[in-house]
Amino acid sequence: MHSGMIGKIEKAHRYAQERERFHFRELSVMVHGNNDDHEVILRDGRWQCACDFFIHNAACAHSMALEALLDGMLPASATQLPAQPLAHAS
């Protein structure tokens, strides 16, 4: 491997650690749920999922899981999760 490529690999690893450099605008991901696979799409700053829950609620576990995974790399319009974790009822 030539020295130019080694430098690029090192830079790529550094960039990957700096999440604020990345801002997803469009994305398609297959999420393997408990019962089925679901394609979740981020398009124009909005989530889309074909699961029944999303169709009725405009949010679902699949889209919120991706939001948590990509924290800090999504447009504000794609935010569905509450700012603080939900408290468990006693």
N, C-alpha and C. Protein backbone atom coordinates (compact mmCIF):
# COMPACT_ATOMS: atom_id res chain seq x y z
N MET A 1 0.85 -1.17 0.00
CA MET A 1 0.00 0.00 0.00
C MET A 1 0.90 1.24 0.00
N HIS A 2 0.55 2.21 -0.85
CA HIS A 2 1.39 3.40 -0.93
C HIS A 2 1.07 4.41 0.17
N SER A 3 1.99 5.29 0.44
CA SER A 3 1.89 6.21 1.59
C SER A 3 0.68 7.13 1.48
N GLY A 4 0.29 7.51 0.27
CA GLY A 4 -0.89 8.36 0.10
C GLY A 4 -2.15 7.67 0.62
N MET A 5 -2.28 6.38 0.35
CA MET A 5 -3.45 5.64 0.80
C MET A 5 -3.44 5.48 2.32
N ILE A 6 -2.27 5.27 2.90
CA ILE A 6 -2.15 5.14 4.36
C ILE A 6 -2.65 6.41 5.03
N GLY A 7 -2.27 7.55 4.49
CA GLY A 7 -2.73 8.83 5.02
C GLY A 7 -4.25 8.97 4.93
N LYS A 8 -4.82 8.54 3.81
CA LYS A 8 -6.27 8.63 3.62
C LYS A 8 -7.02 7.71 4.59
N ILE A 9 -6.47 6.53 4.84
CA ILE A 9 -7.09 5.60 5.79
C ILE A 9 -7.08 6.19 7.19
N GLU A 10 -5.96 6.78 7.58
CA GLU A 10 -5.86 7.42 8.90
C GLU A 10 -6.87 8.56 9.01
N LYS A 11 -6.98 9.36 7.96
CA LYS A 11 -7.93 10.47 7.95
C LYS A 11 -9.36 9.96 8.05
N ALA A 12 -9.67 8.89 7.34
CA ALA A 12 -11.02 8.30 7.38
C ALA A 12 -11.36 7.84 8.80
N HIS A 13 -10.43 7.23 9.48
CA HIS A 13 -10.66 6.79 10.86
C HIS A 13 -10.89 7.99 11.78
N ARG A 14 -10.13 9.06 11.57
CA ARG A 14 -10.30 10.27 12.38
C ARG A 14 -11.69 10.88 12.12
N TYR A 15 -12.07 10.98 10.85
CA TYR A 15 -13.39 11.51 10.50
C TYR A 15 -14.50 10.68 11.15
N ALA A 16 -14.36 9.37 11.11
CA ALA A 16 -15.39 8.48 11.65
C ALA A 16 -15.61 8.71 13.15
N GLN A 17 -14.61 9.19 13.85
CA GLN A 17 -14.73 9.48 15.28
C GLN A 17 -15.39 10.84 15.53
N GLU A 18 -15.48 11.68 14.51
CA GLU A 18 -16.02 13.03 14.63
C GLU A 18 -17.40 13.07 13.99
N ARG A 19 -18.39 12.55 14.74
CA ARG A 19 -19.75 12.37 14.21
C ARG A 19 -20.36 13.66 13.69
N GLU A 20 -19.96 14.81 14.24
CA GLU A 20 -20.54 16.08 13.82
C GLU A 20 -20.22 16.42 12.36
N ARG A 21 -19.28 15.72 11.76
CA ARG A 21 -18.94 15.94 10.34
C ARG A 21 -20.01 15.40 9.40
N PHE A 22 -20.84 14.48 9.90
CA PHE A 22 -21.78 13.76 9.05
C PHE A 22 -23.21 14.21 9.28
N HIS A 23 -23.93 14.44 8.19
CA HIS A 23 -25.33 14.84 8.25
C HIS A 23 -26.07 14.10 7.14
N PHE A 24 -26.85 13.09 7.54
CA PHE A 24 -27.58 12.29 6.58
C PHE A 24 -28.77 13.08 6.05
N ARG A 25 -28.92 13.08 4.74
CA ARG A 25 -30.06 13.73 4.10
C ARG A 25 -31.01 12.70 3.50
N GLU A 26 -30.47 11.60 3.05
CA GLU A 26 -31.28 10.52 2.50
C GLU A 26 -30.60 9.21 2.83
N LEU A 27 -31.44 8.21 3.19
CA LEU A 27 -30.89 6.96 3.66
C LEU A 27 -31.96 5.89 3.56
N SER A 28 -31.56 4.69 3.22
CA SER A 28 -32.46 3.54 3.21
C SER A 28 -31.78 2.41 3.96
N VAL A 29 -32.47 1.87 4.97
CA VAL A 29 -31.89 0.83 5.81
C VAL A 29 -32.91 -0.28 6.02
N MET A 30 -32.47 -1.51 5.93
CA MET A 30 -33.34 -2.65 6.24
C MET A 30 -33.14 -2.99 7.72
N VAL A 31 -34.20 -2.92 8.48
CA VAL A 31 -34.16 -3.23 9.92
C VAL A 31 -34.79 -4.60 10.11
N HIS A 32 -34.06 -5.50 10.74
CA HIS A 32 -34.56 -6.84 11.02
C HIS A 32 -35.30 -6.79 12.35
N GLY A 33 -36.62 -6.70 12.30
CA GLY A 33 -37.45 -6.65 13.50
C GLY A 33 -37.67 -8.03 14.06
N ASN A 34 -38.41 -8.10 15.16
CA ASN A 34 -38.72 -9.39 15.78
C ASN A 34 -39.59 -10.27 14.90
N ASN A 35 -40.50 -9.65 14.15
CA ASN A 35 -41.46 -10.41 13.36
C ASN A 35 -41.22 -10.34 11.86
N ASP A 36 -40.53 -9.32 11.40
CA ASP A 36 -40.37 -9.13 9.97
C ASP A 36 -39.24 -8.13 9.72
N ASP A 37 -38.84 -8.02 8.47
CA ASP A 37 -37.87 -7.01 8.07
C ASP A 37 -38.63 -5.77 7.62
N HIS A 38 -38.07 -4.61 7.92
CA HIS A 38 -38.73 -3.34 7.58
C HIS A 38 -37.72 -2.41 6.94
N GLU A 39 -38.06 -1.89 5.77
CA GLU A 39 -37.22 -0.88 5.15
C GLU A 39 -37.61 0.47 5.73
N VAL A 40 -36.63 1.15 6.31
CA VAL A 40 -36.86 2.47 6.88
C VAL A 40 -36.08 3.46 6.00
N ILE A 41 -36.77 4.51 5.60
CA ILE A 41 -36.19 5.48 4.67
C ILE A 41 -36.20 6.86 5.33
N LEU A 42 -35.10 7.57 5.18
CA LEU A 42 -35.04 8.98 5.54
C LEU A 42 -34.99 9.74 4.22
N ARG A 43 -36.02 10.51 3.96
CA ARG A 43 -36.09 11.27 2.70
C ARG A 43 -36.66 12.64 3.01
N ASP A 44 -35.98 13.67 2.53
CA ASP A 44 -36.41 15.05 2.75
C ASP A 44 -36.57 15.35 4.24
N GLY A 45 -35.69 14.76 5.06
CA GLY A 45 -35.71 15.03 6.49
C GLY A 45 -36.82 14.36 7.26
N ARG A 46 -37.51 13.40 6.65
CA ARG A 46 -38.62 12.71 7.30
C ARG A 46 -38.43 11.21 7.20
N TRP A 47 -38.81 10.51 8.26
CA TRP A 47 -38.74 9.05 8.27
C TRP A 47 -39.95 8.47 7.56
N GLN A 48 -39.75 7.30 6.98
CA GLN A 48 -40.83 6.51 6.40
C GLN A 48 -40.55 5.05 6.75
N CYS A 49 -41.58 4.34 7.18
CA CYS A 49 -41.50 2.91 7.44
C CYS A 49 -42.85 2.32 7.08
N ALA A 50 -42.85 1.15 6.48
CA ALA A 50 -44.10 0.54 6.05
C ALA A 50 -44.79 -0.28 7.15
N CYS A 51 -44.22 -0.34 8.33
CA CYS A 51 -44.87 -1.13 9.39
C CYS A 51 -46.18 -0.47 9.80
N ASP A 52 -47.10 -1.27 10.31
CA ASP A 52 -48.43 -0.77 10.69
C ASP A 52 -48.36 0.33 11.73
N PHE A 53 -47.47 0.19 12.71
CA PHE A 53 -47.39 1.19 13.78
C PHE A 53 -47.01 2.55 13.21
N PHE A 54 -46.03 2.58 12.31
CA PHE A 54 -45.60 3.84 11.71
C PHE A 54 -46.72 4.47 10.90
N ILE A 55 -47.44 3.66 10.15
CA ILE A 55 -48.52 4.16 9.30
C ILE A 55 -49.55 4.93 10.13
N HIS A 56 -49.80 4.48 11.35
CA HIS A 56 -50.81 5.11 12.20
C HIS A 56 -50.25 6.16 13.15
N ASN A 57 -48.93 6.14 13.38
CA ASN A 57 -48.35 7.03 14.41
C ASN A 57 -47.23 7.92 13.92
N ALA A 58 -46.80 7.77 12.68
CA ALA A 58 -45.70 8.56 12.10
C ALA A 58 -44.38 8.39 12.85
N ALA A 59 -44.27 7.30 13.60
CA ALA A 59 -43.05 6.94 14.31
C ALA A 59 -43.18 5.47 14.69
N CYS A 60 -42.05 4.80 14.83
CA CYS A 60 -42.07 3.39 15.23
C CYS A 60 -40.72 3.03 15.85
N ALA A 61 -40.64 1.84 16.39
CA ALA A 61 -39.38 1.38 17.00
C ALA A 61 -38.26 1.34 15.97
N HIS A 62 -38.59 1.03 14.72
CA HIS A 62 -37.56 0.92 13.69
C HIS A 62 -36.95 2.28 13.36
N SER A 63 -37.81 3.29 13.17
CA SER A 63 -37.30 4.62 12.85
C SER A 63 -36.61 5.26 14.06
N MET A 64 -37.14 5.04 15.25
CA MET A 64 -36.52 5.61 16.45
C MET A 64 -35.18 4.94 16.77
N ALA A 65 -35.06 3.65 16.46
CA ALA A 65 -33.78 2.97 16.67
C ALA A 65 -32.71 3.57 15.75
N LEU A 66 -33.07 3.85 14.51
CA LEU A 66 -32.12 4.48 13.61
C LEU A 66 -31.76 5.88 14.05
N GLU A 67 -32.74 6.60 14.57
CA GLU A 67 -32.45 7.94 15.09
C GLU A 67 -31.44 7.87 16.23
N ALA A 68 -31.62 6.91 17.14
CA ALA A 68 -30.68 6.76 18.25
C ALA A 68 -29.29 6.36 17.74
N LEU A 69 -29.27 5.48 16.78
CA LEU A 69 -28.00 5.02 16.20
C LEU A 69 -27.24 6.14 15.53
N LEU A 70 -27.97 7.05 14.87
CA LEU A 70 -27.36 8.14 14.10
C LEU A 70 -27.40 9.46 14.85
N ASP A 71 -27.50 9.41 16.16
CA ASP A 71 -27.58 10.61 16.99
C ASP A 71 -26.53 11.64 16.60
N GLY A 72 -26.97 12.86 16.37
CA GLY A 72 -26.07 13.94 16.03
C GLY A 72 -25.76 14.04 14.55
N MET A 73 -26.29 13.12 13.74
CA MET A 73 -25.99 13.12 12.31
C MET A 73 -27.23 13.29 11.45
N LEU A 74 -28.35 13.66 12.05
CA LEU A 74 -29.61 13.77 11.32
C LEU A 74 -30.12 15.20 11.36
N PRO A 75 -30.91 15.59 10.35
CA PRO A 75 -31.53 16.92 10.41
C PRO A 75 -32.54 16.97 11.55
N ALA A 76 -32.78 18.15 12.08
CA ALA A 76 -33.71 18.31 13.20
C ALA A 76 -35.09 17.79 12.86
N SER A 77 -35.49 17.87 11.60
CA SER A 77 -36.82 17.41 11.21
C SER A 77 -36.99 15.90 11.36
N ALA A 78 -35.89 15.16 11.49
CA ALA A 78 -35.96 13.70 11.63
C ALA A 78 -35.98 13.26 13.09
N THR A 79 -36.02 14.21 14.02
CA THR A 79 -35.99 13.89 15.44
C THR A 79 -37.37 13.48 15.93
N GLN A 80 -37.46 12.28 16.50
CA GLN A 80 -38.71 11.77 17.06
C GLN A 80 -38.57 11.41 18.53
N LEU A 81 -37.36 11.06 18.94
CA LEU A 81 -37.15 10.62 20.32
C LEU A 81 -37.25 11.79 21.28
N PRO A 82 -37.78 11.57 22.48
CA PRO A 82 -37.79 12.63 23.48
C PRO A 82 -36.35 12.97 23.88
N ALA A 83 -36.16 14.21 24.32
CA ALA A 83 -34.81 14.66 24.70
C ALA A 83 -34.26 13.85 25.87
N GLN A 84 -35.12 13.44 26.77
CA GLN A 84 -34.71 12.66 27.93
C GLN A 84 -35.34 11.27 27.83
N PRO A 85 -34.66 10.25 28.35
CA PRO A 85 -35.26 8.91 28.36
C PRO A 85 -36.58 8.93 29.13
N LEU A 86 -37.53 8.14 28.67
CA LEU A 86 -38.81 8.05 29.35
C LEU A 86 -38.65 7.37 30.70
N ALA A 87 -39.29 7.90 31.72
CA ALA A 87 -39.25 7.29 33.06
C ALA A 87 -40.17 6.08 33.07
N HIS A 88 -39.73 5.02 33.70
CA HIS A 88 -40.55 3.81 33.82
C HIS A 88 -41.58 4.02 34.93
N ALA A 89 -42.80 3.62 34.65
CA ALA A 89 -43.87 3.72 35.65
C ALA A 89 -43.62 2.70 36.76
N SER A 90 -43.83 3.12 37.99
CA SER A 90 -43.63 2.22 39.13
C SER A 90 -44.88 1.49 39.47
